Each structure stands twice: as structure tokens, then as C-alpha cells.
Amino acid sequence: MAISILISFSLILVSYLLGSIPTGYLVGRIVKGIDIREYGSGSTGATNVLRIIGKEAAIGVLVVDMIKGMMAVAVIKFAYSQINSNFLPLSWQDWLVMVSALLAVLGHSKSIWLNFSGGKSAAISLGILLVMNPFVGFGTLITFLLVLSISRIVSLSSLSGAIAVNLFMVIFNPSVPYLIFSILAGLYVTIRHSSNIKRIIAGTEPRIGQPVSS
């Protein structure tokens, strides 16, 4: 049991550290020599990178942040394919995926490398979902893209995805740990977008191509 707990803790720690990789911050430093947190919304996510640095950099940040989430879940699945069930009980798998995924989401927004600051966790959550359950992931992605095509507001699209993910999770994979993840991650992403919600209500949330005040 002690070995199982040690292995599980190590995997969870790896997931947090993967989530903590400060992609947007590093791109800001490398491309423009700036701390992206001091500009725009203060987020290190792809949306703020798009506004401050440009489209190519934002796409790179978006893709890498999604890959971080995918790896956070994939490392658990890989461990289960390699480690004897005596050391890593099969009954723990979904719960371990859930906890690791949540820690990766937390790491993205509360990076240990950035004094526990970071992005708003939408992109990394999408990457997690694509590996956790591709149907849920693609359903959430389609929701995001559909709302974005209509509104041109990234934050509104992310919030729509955070709500829709729970419906897709119930439809495609009613696993209790995965449902817990979708609820908690969706709620966390919504909380991280609290300032955006206020601007959406006030009608001042910028659309793609418009500047945002901090």
C-alpha cells in the first residue's frame, strides 16, 4: 500500500509540474523580452498572448498548453500500462486521472515557477478532456468554436465550453471521477474568468482584435 501511495503521489506531482510549465510567460520573454503578466489582462494564456504578441505566438501557446493537459492524463494511462496492478490498483485509475487532471489545471493557473500565477486554465482543460474522453473533448471544442464564430469573444466561448463539458461528460462517460473533474474544472475555469464575466455583462468585453484593459 505504501508503494502504491508513493507511486500515485509521484504521478500527481508530475501532472502538476506539467501544468505549471509557463508557456505564455516563456513566449513573452523569448519573443518580446517582456513579462506578459504586466500587459493586457495579466494572464499568461493564449488569448492575452494573441493581443500582446500576435497570432503565431498565441497558436503556439494554445497548442503547447493543450499538450500539457494531454500529457498529464497520458502519463497516468501509461503508468497503468507499465506498472504491475499490485503496485497501482486498477480501481484507483479513474480517481488518479481525476486528481492528476485537477492538479494540472491548478498548476497552469498557479504555476510554482511564476509565484503561483498563470493562465485561466481553459486550454489545458481541453487537452485533458481530449485524452480523458475524446468525444467529450471534441464536443467541448466544437462548442467553443461555435460560440467563438458567432460572438468573437474568447472568454465567452471558454465559459460556454466550461458549461457544456458537463453535459457531454454525462452523455459520453458517466464515470463518477470524470464527472467530478468536469464539474470542478468547469467551475474553476468560470471563477478564473470572473473579471471577464463582469465585462461581458457590462458589454465591454473585447472581441478578437480589440485591446483589453487590465
Foldseek 3Di string as FASTA:
>chain_A
DVLLVVVLVVLLVLLLQLLQPLLLQVLCCVVPNDRLLVDFPNASALQSCCQPPHDVSSVVRLVSLLVSLLVSLVVLVVCVVPDDCVNHPPVCSLVSSLSSNVSSLQSQQQPPVPNTGHHLRLSSNLSNCCNVPVQLSVVLVVQLVVCCVVPLFNLVSSLSSLVVSLVSCVVPPPDVSVNVSSPVSSVSSVVSCVVVVVCVVVVNRDGPPDTHDD
